[in-house]
Amino acid sequence: MADRLELPDATWQRVSPRLIVSEYVGAVVSTAVACGVVTILTLLVFGPLVWLFVAVGIVAIITVVLMPRRVRSIGYQLRDDDLLFRRGILFQRFVAVPYGRMQLVDINRGPLSRMLT
């Protein structure tokens, strides 16, 4: 497998490791909602939809296993002329935003994110 694309002389800043906890809580809530939907579908269809529970479980396990690595792949660099942002494991993405082009910085934080900072 090829190494991660790196820029010469780039010192990347990492996001807080507490983001992993926040992402885990979001994954647990999403999995609970998905299991609730599958349970309601099972009651309405009058038949066991075990394969849906298995699919939700597999997706939840993959998400939980890859989440720490995905959060560690997020990085940013404040350079003289722009903000450089990277993310991704399999599909790597670099975004450079010149400071002169920035018009809005919108930050959304829920209650869990506020508790962890």
PDB file of N, CA and C in Angstrom:
ATOM      1  N   MET A   1       0.848  -1.168   0.000  1.00  0.00           N
ATOM      2  CA  MET A   1       0.000   0.000   0.000  1.00  0.00           C
ATOM      3  C   MET A   1       0.897   1.235   0.000  1.00  0.00           C
ATOM      4  N   ALA A   2       0.520   2.228  -0.745  1.00  0.00           N
ATOM      5  CA  ALA A   2       1.303   3.452  -0.848  1.00  0.00           C
ATOM      6  C   ALA A   2       1.197   4.266   0.435  1.00  0.00           C
ATOM      7  N   ASP A   3       2.254   5.012   0.703  1.00  0.00           N
ATOM      8  CA  ASP A   3       2.247   5.882   1.876  1.00  0.00           C
ATOM      9  C   ASP A   3       1.322   7.056   1.661  1.00  0.00           C
ATOM     10  N   ARG A   4       1.040   7.708   2.739  1.00  0.00           N
ATOM     11  CA  ARG A   4       0.186   8.892   2.712  1.00  0.00           C
ATOM     12  C   ARG A   4       0.902  10.012   1.966  1.00  0.00           C
ATOM     13  N   LEU A   5       0.163  10.756   1.181  1.00  0.00           N
ATOM     14  CA  LEU A   5       0.714  11.900   0.471  1.00  0.00           C
ATOM     15  C   LEU A   5       1.128  12.956   1.476  1.00  0.00           C
ATOM     16  N   GLU A   6       2.363  13.344   1.459  1.00  0.00           N
ATOM     17  CA  GLU A   6       2.877  14.336   2.398  1.00  0.00           C
ATOM     18  C   GLU A   6       3.470  15.508   1.637  1.00  0.00           C
ATOM     19  N   LEU A   7       3.408  16.657   2.233  1.00  0.00           N
ATOM     20  CA  LEU A   7       4.020  17.845   1.675  1.00  0.00           C
ATOM     21  C   LEU A   7       5.366  18.061   2.358  1.00  0.00           C
ATOM     22  N   PRO A   8       6.381  18.536   1.607  1.00  0.00           N
ATOM     23  CA  PRO A   8       7.684  18.764   2.239  1.00  0.00           C
ATOM     24  C   PRO A   8       7.594  19.882   3.278  1.00  0.00           C
ATOM     25  N   ASP A   9       8.291  19.698   4.356  1.00  0.00           N
ATOM     26  CA  ASP A   9       8.363  20.683   5.439  1.00  0.00           C
ATOM     27  C   ASP A   9       6.993  21.035   6.019  1.00  0.00           C
ATOM     28  N   ALA A  10       6.090  20.085   6.062  1.00  0.00           N
ATOM     29  CA  ALA A  10       4.751  20.341   6.600  1.00  0.00           C
ATOM     30  C   ALA A  10       4.677  19.792   8.021  1.00  0.00           C
ATOM     31  N   THR A  11       4.294  20.657   8.951  1.00  0.00           N
ATOM     32  CA  THR A  11       4.053  20.241  10.326  1.00  0.00           C
ATOM     33  C   THR A  11       2.550  20.309  10.555  1.00  0.00           C
ATOM     34  N   TRP A  12       1.930  19.162  10.661  1.00  0.00           N
ATOM     35  CA  TRP A  12       0.479  19.085  10.763  1.00  0.00           C
ATOM     36  C   TRP A  12       0.040  19.178  12.209  1.00  0.00           C
ATOM     37  N   GLN A  13      -0.985  19.961  12.447  1.00  0.00           N
ATOM     38  CA  GLN A  13      -1.634  20.032  13.748  1.00  0.00           C
ATOM     39  C   GLN A  13      -2.753  18.996  13.756  1.00  0.00           C
ATOM     40  N   ARG A  14      -2.912  18.318  14.841  1.00  0.00           N
ATOM     41  CA  ARG A  14      -3.954  17.298  14.962  1.00  0.00           C
ATOM     42  C   ARG A  14      -5.167  17.865  15.690  1.00  0.00           C
ATOM     43  N   VAL A  15      -6.321  17.293  15.405  1.00  0.00           N
ATOM     44  CA  VAL A  15      -7.509  17.661  16.168  1.00  0.00           C
ATOM     45  C   VAL A  15      -7.420  16.964  17.526  1.00  0.00           C
ATOM     46  N   SER A  16      -8.233  17.409  18.456  1.00  0.00           N
ATOM     47  CA  SER A  16      -8.202  16.858  19.807  1.00  0.00           C
ATOM     48  C   SER A  16      -8.565  15.372  19.790  1.00  0.00           C
ATOM     49  N   PRO A  17      -7.840  14.548  20.555  1.00  0.00           N
ATOM     50  CA  PRO A  17      -8.192  13.129  20.637  1.00  0.00           C
ATOM     51  C   PRO A  17      -9.556  12.895  21.286  1.00  0.00           C
ATOM     52  N   ARG A  18     -10.078  13.926  21.959  1.00  0.00           N
ATOM     53  CA  ARG A  18     -11.411  13.799  22.560  1.00  0.00           C
ATOM     54  C   ARG A  18     -12.506  13.710  21.501  1.00  0.00           C
ATOM     55  N   LEU A  19     -12.167  14.058  20.267  1.00  0.00           N
ATOM     56  CA  LEU A  19     -13.131  13.918  19.178  1.00  0.00           C
ATOM     57  C   LEU A  19     -13.524  12.459  18.988  1.00  0.00           C
ATOM     58  N   ILE A  20     -12.624  11.541  19.306  1.00  0.00           N
ATOM     59  CA  ILE A  20     -12.932  10.107  19.180  1.00  0.00           C
ATOM     60  C   ILE A  20     -14.096   9.743  20.090  1.00  0.00           C
ATOM     61  N   VAL A  21     -14.093  10.251  21.318  1.00  0.00           N
ATOM     62  CA  VAL A  21     -15.187   9.972  22.261  1.00  0.00           C
ATOM     63  C   VAL A  21     -16.499  10.513  21.707  1.00  0.00           C
ATOM     64  N   SER A  22     -16.468  11.712  21.198  1.00  0.00           N
ATOM     65  CA  SER A  22     -17.663  12.321  20.622  1.00  0.00           C
ATOM     66  C   SER A  22     -18.183  11.501  19.436  1.00  0.00           C
ATOM     67  N   GLU A  23     -17.269  11.043  18.600  1.00  0.00           N
ATOM     68  CA  GLU A  23     -17.670  10.223  17.448  1.00  0.00           C
ATOM     69  C   GLU A  23     -18.234   8.876  17.903  1.00  0.00           C
ATOM     70  N   TYR A  24     -17.649   8.286  18.951  1.00  0.00           N
ATOM     71  CA  TYR A  24     -18.187   7.027  19.482  1.00  0.00           C
ATOM     72  C   TYR A  24     -19.619   7.201  19.985  1.00  0.00           C
ATOM     73  N   VAL A  25     -19.870   8.283  20.700  1.00  0.00           N
ATOM     74  CA  VAL A  25     -21.229   8.527  21.201  1.00  0.00           C
ATOM     75  C   VAL A  25     -22.192   8.681  20.031  1.00  0.00           C
ATOM     76  N   GLY A  26     -21.787   9.406  19.003  1.00  0.00           N
ATOM     77  CA  GLY A  26     -22.626   9.545  17.812  1.00  0.00           C
ATOM     78  C   GLY A  26     -22.890   8.211  17.138  1.00  0.00           C
ATOM     79  N   ALA A  27     -21.878   7.341  17.095  1.00  0.00           N
ATOM     80  CA  ALA A  27     -22.055   6.013  16.487  1.00  0.00           C
ATOM     81  C   ALA A  27     -23.018   5.156  17.303  1.00  0.00           C
ATOM     82  N   VAL A  28     -22.925   5.242  18.629  1.00  0.00           N
ATOM     83  CA  VAL A  28     -23.831   4.467  19.492  1.00  0.00           C
ATOM     84  C   VAL A  28     -25.267   4.943  19.299  1.00  0.00           C
ATOM     85  N   VAL A  29     -25.470   6.243  19.256  1.00  0.00           N
ATOM     86  CA  VAL A  29     -26.822   6.778  19.056  1.00  0.00           C
ATOM     87  C   VAL A  29     -27.354   6.372  17.679  1.00  0.00           C
ATOM     88  N   SER A  30     -26.529   6.464  16.654  1.00  0.00           N
ATOM     89  CA  SER A  30     -26.968   6.073  15.304  1.00  0.00           C
ATOM     90  C   SER A  30     -27.314   4.593  15.246  1.00  0.00           C
ATOM     91  N   THR A  31     -26.503   3.772  15.888  1.00  0.00           N
ATOM     92  CA  THR A  31     -26.774   2.332  15.902  1.00  0.00           C
ATOM     93  C   THR A  31     -28.070   2.032  16.656  1.00  0.00           C
ATOM     94  N   ALA A  32     -28.304   2.729  17.770  1.00  0.00           N
ATOM     95  CA  ALA A  32     -29.542   2.517  18.523  1.00  0.00           C
ATOM     96  C   ALA A  32     -30.759   2.917  17.695  1.00  0.00           C
ATOM     97  N   VAL A  33     -30.661   4.029  16.982  1.00  0.00           N
ATOM     98  CA  VAL A  33     -31.777   4.457  16.123  1.00  0.00           C
ATOM     99  C   VAL A  33     -32.003   3.437  15.007  1.00  0.00           C
ATOM    100  N   ALA A  34     -30.929   2.959  14.393  1.00  0.00           N
ATOM    101  CA  ALA A  34     -31.069   1.971  13.319  1.00  0.00           C
ATOM    102  C   ALA A  34     -31.687   0.677  13.846  1.00  0.00           C
ATOM    103  N   CYS A  35     -31.286   0.237  15.029  1.00  0.00           N
ATOM    104  CA  CYS A  35     -31.880  -0.969  15.622  1.00  0.00           C
ATOM    105  C   CYS A  35     -33.356  -0.746  15.950  1.00  0.00           C
ATOM    106  N   GLY A  36     -33.699   0.464  16.391  1.00  0.00           N
ATOM    107  CA  GLY A  36     -35.108   0.773  16.647  1.00  0.00           C
ATOM    108  C   GLY A  36     -35.932   0.729  15.374  1.00  0.00           C
ATOM    109  N   VAL A  37     -35.397   1.258  14.292  1.00  0.00           N
ATOM    110  CA  VAL A  37     -36.108   1.210  13.006  1.00  0.00           C
ATOM    111  C   VAL A  37     -36.278  -0.226  12.544  1.00  0.00           C
ATOM    112  N   VAL A  38     -35.234  -1.044  12.686  1.00  0.00           N
ATOM    113  CA  VAL A  38     -35.338  -2.446  12.288  1.00  0.00           C
ATOM    114  C   VAL A  38     -36.358  -3.174  13.157  1.00  0.00           C
ATOM    115  N   THR A  39     -36.403  -2.867  14.450  1.00  0.00           N
ATOM    116  CA  THR A  39     -37.389  -3.487  15.346  1.00  0.00           C
ATOM    117  C   THR A  39     -38.803  -3.110  14.933  1.00  0.00           C
ATOM    118  N   ILE A  40     -39.034  -1.843  14.620  1.00  0.00           N
ATOM    119  CA  ILE A  40     -40.364  -1.408  14.174  1.00  0.00           C
ATOM    120  C   ILE A  40     -40.735  -2.090  12.862  1.00  0.00           C
ATOM    121  N   LEU A  41     -39.779  -2.189  11.940  1.00  0.00           N
ATOM    122  CA  LEU A  41     -40.054  -2.889  10.679  1.00  0.00           C
ATOM    123  C   LEU A  41     -40.385  -4.353  10.923  1.00  0.00           C
ATOM    124  N   THR A  42     -39.686  -4.971  11.879  1.00  0.00           N
ATOM    125  CA  THR A  42     -39.956  -6.372  12.204  1.00  0.00           C
ATOM    126  C   THR A  42     -41.375  -6.534  12.752  1.00  0.00           C
ATOM    127  N   LEU A  43     -41.800  -5.595  13.597  1.00  0.00           N
ATOM    128  CA  LEU A  43     -43.149  -5.679  14.162  1.00  0.00           C
ATOM    129  C   LEU A  43     -44.221  -5.425  13.098  1.00  0.00           C
ATOM    130  N   LEU A  44     -43.946  -4.518  12.167  1.00  0.00           N
ATOM    131  CA  LEU A  44     -44.922  -4.201  11.135  1.00  0.00           C
ATOM    132  C   LEU A  44     -45.015  -5.280  10.061  1.00  0.00           C
ATOM    133  N   VAL A  45     -43.903  -5.920   9.766  1.00  0.00           N
ATOM    134  CA  VAL A  45     -43.883  -6.939   8.715  1.00  0.00           C
ATOM    135  C   VAL A  45     -44.305  -8.300   9.272  1.00  0.00           C
ATOM    136  N   PHE A  46     -44.302  -8.437  10.584  1.00  0.00           N
ATOM    137  CA  PHE A  46     -44.655  -9.693  11.266  1.00  0.00           C
ATOM    138  C   PHE A  46     -43.717 -10.832  10.889  1.00  0.00           C
ATOM    139  N   GLY A  47     -42.488 -10.515  10.759  1.00  0.00           N
ATOM    140  CA  GLY A  47     -41.487 -11.547  10.478  1.00  0.00           C
ATOM    141  C   GLY A  47     -40.137 -11.072  10.947  1.00  0.00           C
ATOM    142  N   PRO A  48     -39.310 -12.006  11.344  1.00  0.00           N
ATOM    143  CA  PRO A  48     -37.987 -11.606  11.821  1.00  0.00           C
ATOM    144  C   PRO A  48     -37.107 -11.122  10.666  1.00  0.00           C
ATOM    145  N   LEU A  49     -36.552  -9.953  10.843  1.00  0.00           N
ATOM    146  CA  LEU A  49     -35.638  -9.405   9.851  1.00  0.00           C
ATOM    147  C   LEU A  49     -34.222  -9.450  10.423  1.00  0.00           C
ATOM    148  N   VAL A  50     -33.790 -10.668  10.730  1.00  0.00           N
ATOM    149  CA  VAL A  50     -32.500 -10.867  11.381  1.00  0.00           C
ATOM    150  C   VAL A  50     -31.368 -10.325  10.518  1.00  0.00           C
ATOM    151  N   TRP A  51     -31.491 -10.461   9.236  1.00  0.00           N
ATOM    152  CA  TRP A  51     -30.414 -10.005   8.343  1.00  0.00           C
ATOM    153  C   TRP A  51     -30.205  -8.492   8.442  1.00  0.00           C
ATOM    154  N   LEU A  52     -31.285  -7.743   8.744  1.00  0.00           N
ATOM    155  CA  LEU A  52     -31.116  -6.303   8.931  1.00  0.00           C
ATOM    156  C   LEU A  52     -30.336  -5.995  10.218  1.00  0.00           C
ATOM    157  N   PHE A  53     -30.642  -6.760  11.286  1.00  0.00           N
ATOM    158  CA  PHE A  53     -29.880  -6.575  12.525  1.00  0.00           C
ATOM    159  C   PHE A  53     -28.404  -6.910  12.305  1.00  0.00           C
ATOM    160  N   VAL A  54     -28.141  -7.961  11.547  1.00  0.00           N
ATOM    161  CA  VAL A  54     -26.757  -8.351  11.247  1.00  0.00           C
ATOM    162  C   VAL A  54     -26.061  -7.256  10.437  1.00  0.00           C
ATOM    163  N   ALA A  55     -26.758  -6.693   9.454  1.00  0.00           N
ATOM    164  CA  ALA A  55     -26.176  -5.630   8.634  1.00  0.00           C
ATOM    165  C   ALA A  55     -25.861  -4.397   9.483  1.00  0.00           C
ATOM    166  N   VAL A  56     -26.783  -4.014  10.364  1.00  0.00           N
ATOM    167  CA  VAL A  56     -26.546  -2.871  11.251  1.00  0.00           C
ATOM    168  C   VAL A  56     -25.357  -3.160  12.162  1.00  0.00           C
ATOM    169  N   GLY A  57     -25.270  -4.368  12.669  1.00  0.00           N
ATOM    170  CA  GLY A  57     -24.154  -4.749  13.542  1.00  0.00           C
ATOM    171  C   GLY A  57     -22.814  -4.712  12.827  1.00  0.00           C
ATOM    172  N   ILE A  58     -22.775  -5.194  11.600  1.00  0.00           N
ATOM    173  CA  ILE A  58     -21.526  -5.190  10.831  1.00  0.00           C
ATOM    174  C   ILE A  58     -21.077  -3.759  10.547  1.00  0.00           C
ATOM    175  N   VAL A  59     -22.012  -2.914  10.148  1.00  0.00           N
ATOM    176  CA  VAL A  59     -21.668  -1.513   9.878  1.00  0.00           C
ATOM    177  C   VAL A  59     -21.189  -0.831  11.159  1.00  0.00           C
ATOM    178  N   ALA A  60     -21.835  -1.118  12.280  1.00  0.00           N
ATOM    179  CA  ALA A  60     -21.432  -0.511  13.560  1.00  0.00           C
ATOM    180  C   ALA A  60     -20.030  -0.964  13.963  1.00  0.00           C
ATOM    181  N   ILE A  61     -19.729  -2.229  13.784  1.00  0.00           N
ATOM    182  CA  ILE A  61     -18.405  -2.751  14.150  1.00  0.00           C
ATOM    183  C   ILE A  61     -17.323  -2.127  13.278  1.00  0.00           C
ATOM    184  N   ILE A  62     -17.569  -2.054  11.978  1.00  0.00           N
ATOM    185  CA  ILE A  62     -16.585  -1.445  11.070  1.00  0.00           C
ATOM    186  C   ILE A  62     -16.365   0.018  11.437  1.00  0.00           C
ATOM    187  N   THR A  63     -17.441   0.718  11.742  1.00  0.00           N
ATOM    188  CA  THR A  63     -17.342   2.128  12.125  1.00  0.00           C
ATOM    189  C   THR A  63     -16.516   2.294  13.393  1.00  0.00           C
ATOM    190  N   VAL A  64     -16.771   1.472  14.396  1.00  0.00           N
ATOM    191  CA  VAL A  64     -16.065   1.575  15.674  1.00  0.00           C
ATOM    192  C   VAL A  64     -14.580   1.232  15.504  1.00  0.00           C
ATOM    193  N   VAL A  65     -14.282   0.260  14.681  1.00  0.00           N
ATOM    194  CA  VAL A  65     -12.886  -0.146  14.492  1.00  0.00           C
ATOM    195  C   VAL A  65     -12.099   0.932  13.754  1.00  0.00           C
ATOM    196  N   LEU A  66     -12.694   1.547  12.735  1.00  0.00           N
ATOM    197  CA  LEU A  66     -11.974   2.518  11.919  1.00  0.00           C
ATOM    198  C   LEU A  66     -11.997   3.948  12.482  1.00  0.00           C
ATOM    199  N   MET A  67     -12.855   4.203  13.450  1.00  0.00           N
ATOM    200  CA  MET A  67     -13.030   5.574  13.924  1.00  0.00           C
ATOM    201  C   MET A  67     -11.760   6.221  14.485  1.00  0.00           C
ATOM    202  N   PRO A  68     -10.995   5.570  15.358  1.00  0.00           N
ATOM    203  CA  PRO A  68      -9.781   6.235  15.859  1.00  0.00           C
ATOM    204  C   PRO A  68      -8.798   6.577  14.741  1.00  0.00           C
ATOM    205  N   ARG A  69      -8.643   5.700  13.793  1.00  0.00           N
ATOM    206  CA  ARG A  69      -7.722   5.961  12.683  1.00  0.00           C
ATOM    207  C   ARG A  69      -8.228   7.104  11.813  1.00  0.00           C
ATOM    208  N   ARG A  70      -9.534   7.160  11.606  1.00  0.00           N
ATOM    209  CA  ARG A  70     -10.114   8.231  10.796  1.00  0.00           C
ATOM    210  C   ARG A  70      -9.918   9.583  11.464  1.00  0.00           C
ATOM    211  N   VAL A  71     -10.092   9.645  12.782  1.00  0.00           N
ATOM    212  CA  VAL A  71      -9.902  10.910  13.499  1.00  0.00           C
ATOM    213  C   VAL A  71      -8.423  11.306  13.489  1.00  0.00           C
ATOM    214  N   ARG A  72      -7.521  10.330  13.627  1.00  0.00           N
ATOM    215  CA  ARG A  72      -6.096  10.649  13.594  1.00  0.00           C
ATOM    216  C   ARG A  72      -5.649  11.121  12.213  1.00  0.00           C
ATOM    217  N   SER A  73      -6.390  10.802  11.178  1.00  0.00           N
ATOM    218  CA  SER A  73      -6.002  11.219   9.829  1.00  0.00           C
ATOM    219  C   SER A  73      -6.345  12.682   9.554  1.00  0.00           C
ATOM    220  N   ILE A  74      -7.125  13.304  10.428  1.00  0.00           N
ATOM    221  CA  ILE A  74      -7.499  14.704  10.234  1.00  0.00           C
ATOM    222  C   ILE A  74      -6.351  15.590  10.714  1.00  0.00           C
ATOM    223  N   GLY A  75      -5.954  16.535   9.883  1.00  0.00           N
ATOM    224  CA  GLY A  75      -4.891  17.454  10.262  1.00  0.00           C
ATOM    225  C   GLY A  75      -5.066  18.787   9.564  1.00  0.00           C
ATOM    226  N   TYR A  76      -4.444  19.805  10.128  1.00  0.00           N
ATOM    227  CA  TYR A  76      -4.506  21.119   9.503  1.00  0.00           C
ATOM    228  C   TYR A  76      -3.180  21.823   9.710  1.00  0.00           C
ATOM    229  N   GLN A  77      -2.935  22.811   8.856  1.00  0.00           N
ATOM    230  CA  GLN A  77      -1.715  23.587   8.944  1.00  0.00           C
ATOM    231  C   GLN A  77      -2.038  25.035   8.619  1.00  0.00           C
ATOM    232  N   LEU A  78      -1.679  25.933   9.512  1.00  0.00           N
ATOM    233  CA  LEU A  78      -1.851  27.362   9.294  1.00  0.00           C
ATOM    234  C   LEU A  78      -0.568  27.888   8.661  1.00  0.00           C
ATOM    235  N   ARG A  79      -0.641  28.201   7.377  1.00  0.00           N
ATOM    236  CA  ARG A  79       0.539  28.714   6.678  1.00  0.00           C
ATOM    237  C   ARG A  79       0.416  30.230   6.516  1.00  0.00           C
ATOM    238  N   ASP A  80       1.404  30.848   5.921  1.00  0.00           N
ATOM    239  CA  ASP A  80       1.410  32.308   5.783  1.00  0.00           C
ATOM    240  C   ASP A  80       0.238  32.823   4.955  1.00  0.00           C
ATOM    241  N   ASP A  81      -0.095  32.123   3.880  1.00  0.00           N
ATOM    242  CA  ASP A  81      -1.105  32.621   2.951  1.00  0.00           C
ATOM    243  C   ASP A  81      -2.417  31.851   2.966  1.00  0.00           C
ATOM    244  N   ASP A  82      -2.426  30.658   3.573  1.00  0.00           N
ATOM    245  CA  ASP A  82      -3.633  29.844   3.497  1.00  0.00           C
ATOM    246  C   ASP A  82      -3.719  28.867   4.666  1.00  0.00           C
ATOM    247  N   LEU A  83      -4.872  28.250   4.741  1.00  0.00           N
ATOM    248  CA  LEU A  83      -5.137  27.175   5.692  1.00  0.00           C
ATOM    249  C   LEU A  83      -5.166  25.885   4.902  1.00  0.00           C
ATOM    250  N   LEU A  84      -4.360  24.924   5.291  1.00  0.00           N
ATOM    251  CA  LEU A  84      -4.306  23.641   4.612  1.00  0.00           C
ATOM    252  C   LEU A  84      -4.951  22.603   5.515  1.00  0.00           C
ATOM    253  N   PHE A  85      -5.856  21.833   4.958  1.00  0.00           N
ATOM    254  CA  PHE A  85      -6.645  20.867   5.728  1.00  0.00           C
ATOM    255  C   PHE A  85      -6.550  19.522   5.028  1.00  0.00           C
ATOM    256  N   ARG A  86      -6.352  18.448   5.793  1.00  0.00           N
ATOM    257  CA  ARG A  86      -6.323  17.114   5.187  1.00  0.00           C
ATOM    258  C   ARG A  86      -7.175  16.159   6.019  1.00  0.00           C
ATOM    259  N   ARG A  87      -7.685  15.155   5.345  1.00  0.00           N
ATOM    260  CA  ARG A  87      -8.448  14.109   6.017  1.00  0.00           C
ATOM    261  C   ARG A  87      -8.529  12.899   5.107  1.00  0.00           C
ATOM    262  N   GLY A  88      -8.938  11.792   5.672  1.00  0.00           N
ATOM    263  CA  GLY A  88      -9.172  10.594   4.885  1.00  0.00           C
ATOM    264  C   GLY A  88      -8.128   9.519   5.081  1.00  0.00           C
ATOM    265  N   ILE A  89      -8.585   8.288   4.980  1.00  0.00           N
ATOM    266  CA  ILE A  89      -7.698   7.130   5.076  1.00  0.00           C
ATOM    267  C   ILE A  89      -7.533   6.524   3.679  1.00  0.00           C
ATOM    268  N   LEU A  90      -8.612   6.011   3.155  1.00  0.00           N
ATOM    269  CA  LEU A  90      -8.569   5.391   1.838  1.00  0.00           C
ATOM    270  C   LEU A  90      -8.571   6.446   0.740  1.00  0.00           C
ATOM    271  N   PHE A  91      -9.460   7.392   0.848  1.00  0.00           N
ATOM    272  CA  PHE A  91      -9.528   8.504  -0.092  1.00  0.00           C
ATOM    273  C   PHE A  91      -9.017   9.747   0.629  1.00  0.00           C
ATOM    274  N   GLN A  92      -7.791  10.125   0.341  1.00  0.00           N
ATOM    275  CA  GLN A  92      -7.172  11.259   1.008  1.00  0.00           C
ATOM    276  C   GLN A  92      -7.595  12.554   0.322  1.00  0.00           C
ATOM    277  N   ARG A  93      -7.836  13.563   1.138  1.00  0.00           N
ATOM    278  CA  ARG A  93      -8.273  14.846   0.600  1.00  0.00           C
ATOM    279  C   ARG A  93      -7.475  15.971   1.236  1.00  0.00           C
ATOM    280  N   PHE A  94      -6.922  16.819   0.401  1.00  0.00           N
ATOM    281  CA  PHE A  94      -6.228  18.019   0.841  1.00  0.00           C
ATOM    282  C   PHE A  94      -7.021  19.211   0.345  1.00  0.00           C
ATOM    283  N   VAL A  95      -7.245  20.185   1.212  1.00  0.00           N
ATOM    284  CA  VAL A  95      -7.947  21.410   0.840  1.00  0.00           C
ATOM    285  C   VAL A  95      -7.090  22.581   1.305  1.00  0.00           C
ATOM    286  N   ALA A  96      -6.797  23.492   0.387  1.00  0.00           N
ATOM    287  CA  ALA A  96      -6.075  24.719   0.727  1.00  0.00           C
ATOM    288  C   ALA A  96      -7.027  25.883   0.527  1.00  0.00           C
ATOM    289  N   VAL A  97      -7.235  26.658   1.589  1.00  0.00           N
ATOM    290  CA  VAL A  97      -8.141  27.802   1.524  1.00  0.00           C
ATOM    291  C   VAL A  97      -7.333  29.069   1.779  1.00  0.00           C
ATOM    292  N   PRO A  98      -7.176  29.917   0.760  1.00  0.00           N
ATOM    293  CA  PRO A  98      -6.447  31.174   0.979  1.00  0.00           C
ATOM    294  C   PRO A  98      -7.214  32.060   1.964  1.00  0.00           C
ATOM    295  N   TYR A  99      -6.477  32.727   2.846  1.00  0.00           N
ATOM    296  CA  TYR A  99      -7.121  33.578   3.847  1.00  0.00           C
ATOM    297  C   TYR A  99      -7.959  34.674   3.193  1.00  0.00           C
ATOM    298  N   GLY A 100      -7.527  35.175   2.042  1.00  0.00           N
ATOM    299  CA  GLY A 100      -8.268  36.221   1.347  1.00  0.00           C
ATOM    300  C   GLY A 100      -9.605  35.750   0.804  1.00  0.00           C
ATOM    301  N   ARG A 101      -9.769  34.429   0.640  1.00  0.00           N
ATOM    302  CA  ARG A 101     -11.027  33.883   0.123  1.00  0.00           C
ATOM    303  C   ARG A 101     -11.988  33.467   1.227  1.00  0.00           C
ATOM    304  N   MET A 102     -11.526  33.437   2.469  1.00  0.00           N
ATOM    305  CA  MET A 102     -12.399  33.030   3.573  1.00  0.00           C
ATOM    306  C   MET A 102     -13.402  34.139   3.858  1.00  0.00           C
ATOM    307  N   GLN A 103     -14.659  33.763   3.833  1.00  0.00           N
ATOM    308  CA  GLN A 103     -15.708  34.728   4.115  1.00  0.00           C
ATOM    309  C   GLN A 103     -16.503  34.354   5.350  1.00  0.00           C
ATOM    310  N   LEU A 104     -16.502  33.081   5.690  1.00  0.00           N
ATOM    311  CA  LEU A 104     -17.306  32.614   6.805  1.00  0.00           C
ATOM    312  C   LEU A 104     -16.627  31.412   7.445  1.00  0.00           C
ATOM    313  N   VAL A 105     -16.576  31.421   8.739  1.00  0.00           N
ATOM    314  CA  VAL A 105     -16.124  30.265   9.493  1.00  0.00           C
ATOM    315  C   VAL A 105     -17.276  29.882  10.406  1.00  0.00           C
ATOM    316  N   ASP A 106     -17.875  28.732  10.158  1.00  0.00           N
ATOM    317  CA  ASP A 106     -19.049  28.280  10.903  1.00  0.00           C
ATOM    318  C   ASP A 106     -18.641  27.082  11.746  1.00  0.00           C
ATOM    319  N   ILE A 107     -18.798  27.182  13.057  1.00  0.00           N
ATOM    320  CA  ILE A 107     -18.413  26.109  13.963  1.00  0.00           C
ATOM    321  C   ILE A 107     -19.658  25.638  14.699  1.00  0.00           C
ATOM    322  N   ASN A 108     -19.947  24.363  14.554  1.00  0.00           N
ATOM    323  CA  ASN A 108     -21.090  23.760  15.250  1.00  0.00           C
ATOM    324  C   ASN A 108     -20.558  22.826  16.328  1.00  0.00           C
ATOM    325  N   ARG A 109     -21.044  23.014  17.550  1.00  0.00           N
ATOM    326  CA  ARG A 109     -20.660  22.151  18.657  1.00  0.00           C
ATOM    327  C   ARG A 109     -21.902  21.778  19.442  1.00  0.00           C
ATOM    328  N   GLY A 110     -22.089  20.502  19.617  1.00  0.00           N
ATOM    329  CA  GLY A 110     -23.210  20.026  20.402  1.00  0.00           C
ATOM    330  C   GLY A 110     -22.841  19.964  21.877  1.00  0.00           C
ATOM    331  N   PRO A 111     -23.769  19.524  22.706  1.00  0.00           N
ATOM    332  CA  PRO A 111     -23.510  19.473  24.151  1.00  0.00           C
ATOM    333  C   PRO A 111     -22.344  18.554  24.517  1.00  0.00           C
ATOM    334  N   LEU A 112     -22.209  17.430  23.832  1.00  0.00           N
ATOM    335  CA  LEU A 112     -21.111  16.513  24.144  1.00  0.00           C
ATOM    336  C   LEU A 112     -19.770  17.137  23.799  1.00  0.00           C
ATOM    337  N   SER A 113     -19.662  17.797  22.666  1.00  0.00           N
ATOM    338  CA  SER A 113     -18.415  18.464  22.279  1.00  0.00           C
ATOM    339  C   SER A 113     -18.060  19.557  23.270  1.00  0.00           C
ATOM    340  N   ARG A 114     -19.048  20.279  23.753  1.00  0.00           N
ATOM    341  CA  ARG A 114     -18.787  21.337  24.730  1.00  0.00           C
ATOM    342  C   ARG A 114     -18.309  20.740  26.045  1.00  0.00           C
ATOM    343  N   MET A 115     -18.834  19.570  26.440  1.00  0.00           N
ATOM    344  CA  MET A 115     -18.402  18.941  27.688  1.00  0.00           C
ATOM    345  C   MET A 115     -16.963  18.457  27.593  1.00  0.00           C
ATOM    346  N   LEU A 116     -16.528  18.054  26.408  1.00  0.00           N
ATOM    347  CA  LEU A 116     -15.203  17.483  26.250  1.00  0.00           C
ATOM    348  C   LEU A 116     -14.112  18.540  26.056  1.00  0.00           C
ATOM    349  N   THR A 117     -14.476  19.814  25.938  1.00  0.00           N
ATOM    350  CA  THR A 117     -13.446  20.843  25.751  1.00  0.00           C
ATOM    351  C   THR A 117     -13.202  21.613  27.013  1.00  0.00           C
TER     352      THR A 117
END
